[in-house]
Structure formats: structure tokens, C-alpha cells
């Protein structure tokens, strides 16, 4: 399970999970973000069990984890910018 060998799968997972991520302009952002976070957590739990058999699913979800952290950082920067004005 070489991480460098599966970087294309991680990138694909990042892009898909980033596309699924809720937009901050949505009026129901908090509800959608909670659903997004829960779905990612359940996927991580499920794919950790399959890691030996199907490492592709695990690496896809690792890309989703990177997308989750990217979403958190993006939201935090937008909040900081709003507080600064």
C-alpha cells in the first residue's frame, strides 16, 4: 500500500468530496455540513475495515479527509475576513 502509488486516487477523492461539500452561502449550511462530516466519518470507518482487501476505497476516503480539512480552513478564513471588516 504505497501512498505515492495511489496519489491519483487520493486526488480523485479530494475532488469528489470537495464537490460534495456544502457551500457557505447556503441558508442550511450548518445542517449540510453536519451531514457531510457524518458521511465522511462513516466512510472512514467503513474503509478502514476494507483497507487490506480494497485499498482504493481507503485512499479515496483519505482524499475526502483532505477535502474536509480544506473546507474547514476555507470557512475559517471567510469568518476571519468577515470579523476584520
N, C-alpha and C. Protein backbone atom coordinates (compact mmCIF):
# COMPACT_ATOMS: atom_id res chain seq x y z
N UNK A 1 0.84 -1.19 0.00
CA UNK A 1 0.00 0.00 0.00
C UNK A 1 0.88 1.24 0.00
N UNK A 2 1.46 1.49 -1.12
CA UNK A 2 2.32 2.64 -1.26
C UNK A 2 1.47 3.88 -1.49
N UNK A 3 1.67 4.90 -0.65
CA UNK A 3 0.86 6.12 -0.74
C UNK A 3 1.13 6.86 -2.05
N UNK A 4 2.38 6.92 -2.46
CA UNK A 4 2.72 7.62 -3.70
C UNK A 4 2.13 6.93 -4.92
N UNK A 5 2.00 5.63 -4.85
CA UNK A 5 1.43 4.86 -5.95
C UNK A 5 -0.06 5.17 -6.12
N UNK A 6 -0.72 5.56 -5.06
CA UNK A 6 -2.17 5.80 -5.08
C UNK A 6 -2.53 7.28 -5.00
N UNK A 7 -1.62 8.16 -5.36
CA UNK A 7 -1.92 9.60 -5.25
C UNK A 7 -3.03 10.03 -6.21
N UNK A 8 -3.14 9.38 -7.36
CA UNK A 8 -4.21 9.75 -8.27
C UNK A 8 -5.58 9.43 -7.68
N UNK A 9 -5.67 8.39 -6.89
CA UNK A 9 -6.93 8.04 -6.23
C UNK A 9 -7.22 9.04 -5.12
N UNK A 10 -6.20 9.46 -4.40
CA UNK A 10 -6.37 10.47 -3.35
C UNK A 10 -6.84 11.79 -3.96
N UNK A 11 -6.27 12.17 -5.08
CA UNK A 11 -6.67 13.41 -5.74
C UNK A 11 -8.11 13.31 -6.23
N UNK A 12 -8.48 12.17 -6.79
CA UNK A 12 -9.86 11.98 -7.24
C UNK A 12 -10.83 12.05 -6.06
N UNK A 13 -10.47 11.43 -4.94
CA UNK A 13 -11.30 11.51 -3.75
C UNK A 13 -11.42 12.92 -3.23
N UNK A 14 -10.32 13.67 -3.27
CA UNK A 14 -10.33 15.06 -2.84
C UNK A 14 -11.31 15.87 -3.69
N UNK A 15 -11.25 15.70 -5.00
CA UNK A 15 -12.11 16.47 -5.89
C UNK A 15 -13.58 16.10 -5.72
N UNK A 16 -13.87 14.82 -5.58
CA UNK A 16 -15.26 14.39 -5.41
C UNK A 16 -15.82 14.89 -4.09
N UNK A 17 -15.09 14.72 -3.00
CA UNK A 17 -15.58 15.17 -1.70
C UNK A 17 -15.64 16.69 -1.63
N UNK A 18 -14.77 17.37 -2.33
CA UNK A 18 -14.83 18.82 -2.38
C UNK A 18 -16.08 19.28 -3.12
N UNK A 19 -16.44 18.55 -4.17
CA UNK A 19 -17.66 18.86 -4.91
C UNK A 19 -18.90 18.62 -4.06
N UNK A 20 -18.86 17.61 -3.21
CA UNK A 20 -19.99 17.27 -2.34
C UNK A 20 -20.12 18.26 -1.18
N UNK A 21 -19.04 18.88 -0.79
CA UNK A 21 -19.03 19.79 0.38
C UNK A 21 -20.07 20.90 0.22
N UNK A 22 -20.74 21.24 1.32
CA UNK A 22 -21.76 22.30 1.25
C UNK A 22 -21.14 23.66 1.03
N UNK A 23 -21.87 24.51 0.38
CA UNK A 23 -21.41 25.89 0.12
C UNK A 23 -21.76 26.77 1.31
N UNK A 24 -20.89 27.66 1.67
CA UNK A 24 -21.11 28.51 2.84
C UNK A 24 -22.25 29.49 2.61
N UNK A 25 -22.59 29.76 1.37
CA UNK A 25 -23.69 30.68 1.08
C UNK A 25 -25.06 30.04 1.24
N UNK A 26 -25.09 28.74 1.45
CA UNK A 26 -26.37 28.04 1.61
C UNK A 26 -27.03 28.43 2.93
N UNK A 27 -28.35 28.65 2.93
CA UNK A 27 -29.02 29.00 4.19
C UNK A 27 -29.03 27.85 5.20
N UNK A 28 -28.90 26.63 4.72
CA UNK A 28 -28.87 25.45 5.61
C UNK A 28 -27.46 24.91 5.75
N UNK A 29 -26.47 25.77 5.76
CA UNK A 29 -25.07 25.34 5.76
C UNK A 29 -24.73 24.46 6.95
N UNK A 30 -25.21 24.81 8.13
CA UNK A 30 -24.85 24.03 9.34
C UNK A 30 -25.38 22.62 9.26
N UNK A 31 -26.62 22.45 8.81
CA UNK A 31 -27.19 21.11 8.68
C UNK A 31 -26.44 20.30 7.63
N UNK A 32 -26.16 20.93 6.49
CA UNK A 32 -25.47 20.23 5.41
C UNK A 32 -24.04 19.88 5.80
N UNK A 33 -23.38 20.75 6.55
CA UNK A 33 -22.02 20.47 6.98
C UNK A 33 -22.00 19.31 7.98
N UNK A 34 -22.98 19.25 8.85
CA UNK A 34 -23.07 18.12 9.79
C UNK A 34 -23.29 16.81 9.04
N UNK A 35 -24.14 16.83 8.03
CA UNK A 35 -24.37 15.63 7.22
C UNK A 35 -23.10 15.24 6.47
N UNK A 36 -22.39 16.22 5.93
CA UNK A 36 -21.14 15.98 5.21
C UNK A 36 -20.10 15.36 6.13
N UNK A 37 -19.97 15.91 7.33
CA UNK A 37 -19.00 15.42 8.29
C UNK A 37 -19.34 13.99 8.73
N UNK A 38 -20.62 13.72 8.96
CA UNK A 38 -21.05 12.39 9.37
C UNK A 38 -20.81 11.37 8.26
N UNK A 39 -21.13 11.74 7.03
CA UNK A 39 -20.91 10.82 5.91
C UNK A 39 -19.43 10.49 5.75
N UNK A 40 -18.58 11.48 5.89
CA UNK A 40 -17.14 11.24 5.77
C UNK A 40 -16.64 10.36 6.90
N UNK A 41 -17.12 10.59 8.11
CA UNK A 41 -16.72 9.76 9.25
C UNK A 41 -17.13 8.31 9.04
N UNK A 42 -18.36 8.08 8.59
CA UNK A 42 -18.81 6.71 8.36
C UNK A 42 -18.03 6.05 7.22
N UNK A 43 -17.68 6.81 6.21
CA UNK A 43 -16.86 6.26 5.12
C UNK A 43 -15.47 5.89 5.61
N UNK A 44 -14.90 6.72 6.47
CA UNK A 44 -13.58 6.40 7.03
C UNK A 44 -13.62 5.12 7.86
N UNK A 45 -14.66 4.97 8.65
CA UNK A 45 -14.79 3.75 9.47
C UNK A 45 -14.97 2.53 8.59
N UNK A 46 -15.82 2.65 7.56
CA UNK A 46 -16.08 1.52 6.68
C UNK A 46 -14.85 1.15 5.86
N UNK A 47 -14.14 2.13 5.34
CA UNK A 47 -12.99 1.80 4.50
C UNK A 47 -11.78 1.36 5.31
N UNK A 48 -11.72 1.73 6.57
CA UNK A 48 -10.60 1.23 7.37
C UNK A 48 -10.71 -0.28 7.57
N UNK A 49 -11.93 -0.79 7.57
CA UNK A 49 -12.12 -2.24 7.66
C UNK A 49 -11.75 -2.93 6.35
N UNK A 50 -11.92 -2.23 5.23
CA UNK A 50 -11.63 -2.81 3.91
C UNK A 50 -10.23 -2.51 3.42
N UNK A 51 -9.41 -1.87 4.23
CA UNK A 51 -8.11 -1.37 3.77
C UNK A 51 -7.23 -2.49 3.22
N UNK A 52 -7.25 -3.64 3.80
CA UNK A 52 -6.39 -4.73 3.34
C UNK A 52 -6.92 -5.31 2.03
N UNK A 53 -8.25 -5.43 1.93
CA UNK A 53 -8.85 -6.04 0.75
C UNK A 53 -8.91 -5.06 -0.42
N UNK A 54 -9.41 -3.86 -0.17
CA UNK A 54 -9.58 -2.85 -1.22
C UNK A 54 -8.94 -1.53 -0.78
N UNK A 55 -7.66 -1.35 -0.99
CA UNK A 55 -7.02 -0.10 -0.56
C UNK A 55 -7.49 1.11 -1.36
N UNK A 56 -8.08 0.89 -2.54
CA UNK A 56 -8.54 2.01 -3.37
C UNK A 56 -9.62 2.80 -2.63
N UNK A 57 -10.54 2.13 -2.00
CA UNK A 57 -11.61 2.82 -1.27
C UNK A 57 -11.04 3.62 -0.11
N UNK A 58 -10.06 3.08 0.57
CA UNK A 58 -9.44 3.79 1.68
C UNK A 58 -8.75 5.06 1.19
N UNK A 59 -7.97 4.96 0.12
CA UNK A 59 -7.26 6.13 -0.37
C UNK A 59 -8.21 7.17 -0.94
N UNK A 60 -9.33 6.73 -1.49
CA UNK A 60 -10.35 7.67 -1.96
C UNK A 60 -10.90 8.48 -0.78
N UNK A 61 -11.12 7.81 0.33
CA UNK A 61 -11.64 8.48 1.51
C UNK A 61 -10.56 9.35 2.17
N UNK A 62 -9.32 8.99 2.05
CA UNK A 62 -8.23 9.85 2.54
C UNK A 62 -8.26 11.17 1.79
N UNK A 63 -8.51 11.12 0.49
CA UNK A 63 -8.69 12.35 -0.28
C UNK A 63 -9.87 13.15 0.24
N UNK A 64 -10.92 12.46 0.66
CA UNK A 64 -12.07 13.13 1.27
C UNK A 64 -11.71 13.81 2.58
N UNK A 65 -10.82 13.21 3.33
CA UNK A 65 -10.37 13.83 4.58
C UNK A 65 -9.60 15.12 4.30
N UNK A 66 -8.77 15.09 3.27
CA UNK A 66 -8.06 16.32 2.89
C UNK A 66 -9.05 17.39 2.45
N UNK A 67 -10.10 16.99 1.72
CA UNK A 67 -11.12 17.94 1.29
C UNK A 67 -11.87 18.51 2.49
N UNK A 68 -12.10 17.69 3.51
CA UNK A 68 -12.78 18.15 4.72
C UNK A 68 -11.94 19.23 5.41
N UNK A 69 -10.66 18.98 5.56
CA UNK A 69 -9.80 19.97 6.21
C UNK A 69 -9.67 21.23 5.36
N UNK A 70 -9.64 21.07 4.04
CA UNK A 70 -9.61 22.23 3.16
C UNK A 70 -10.88 23.06 3.34
N UNK A 71 -12.02 22.40 3.47
CA UNK A 71 -13.30 23.09 3.68
C UNK A 71 -13.29 23.82 5.01
N UNK A 72 -12.77 23.19 6.06
CA UNK A 72 -12.69 23.85 7.36
C UNK A 72 -11.82 25.09 7.31
N UNK A 73 -10.67 24.98 6.66
CA UNK A 73 -9.77 26.12 6.57
C UNK A 73 -10.40 27.24 5.76
N UNK A 74 -11.08 26.88 4.66
CA UNK A 74 -11.72 27.90 3.82
C UNK A 74 -12.80 28.64 4.58
N UNK A 75 -13.60 27.92 5.36
CA UNK A 75 -14.65 28.56 6.16
C UNK A 75 -14.04 29.45 7.23
N UNK A 76 -12.99 28.98 7.87
CA UNK A 76 -12.34 29.77 8.92
C UNK A 76 -11.76 31.07 8.37
N UNK A 77 -11.17 31.00 7.19
CA UNK A 77 -10.63 32.21 6.57
C UNK A 77 -11.75 33.19 6.25
N UNK A 78 -12.89 32.69 5.78
CA UNK A 78 -14.02 33.58 5.48
C UNK A 78 -14.57 34.21 6.75
N UNK A 79 -14.58 33.48 7.84
CA UNK A 79 -15.06 34.04 9.11
C UNK A 79 -14.09 35.12 9.60
N UNK A 80 -12.80 34.88 9.49
CA UNK A 80 -11.80 35.86 9.90
C UNK A 80 -11.92 37.12 9.07
N UNK A 81 -12.15 36.97 7.77
CA UNK A 81 -12.30 38.13 6.89
C UNK A 81 -13.54 38.94 7.25
N UNK A 82 -14.64 38.26 7.61
CA UNK A 82 -15.86 38.98 8.00
C UNK A 82 -15.68 39.73 9.31
N UNK A 83 -14.94 39.13 10.26
CA UNK A 83 -14.70 39.79 11.55
C UNK A 83 -13.79 40.99 11.39
N UNK A 84 -12.88 40.95 10.41
CA UNK A 84 -11.94 42.03 10.21
C UNK A 84 -12.55 43.27 9.59
N UNK A 85 -13.68 43.13 8.94
CA UNK A 85 -14.30 44.28 8.26
C UNK A 85 -15.11 45.13 9.19
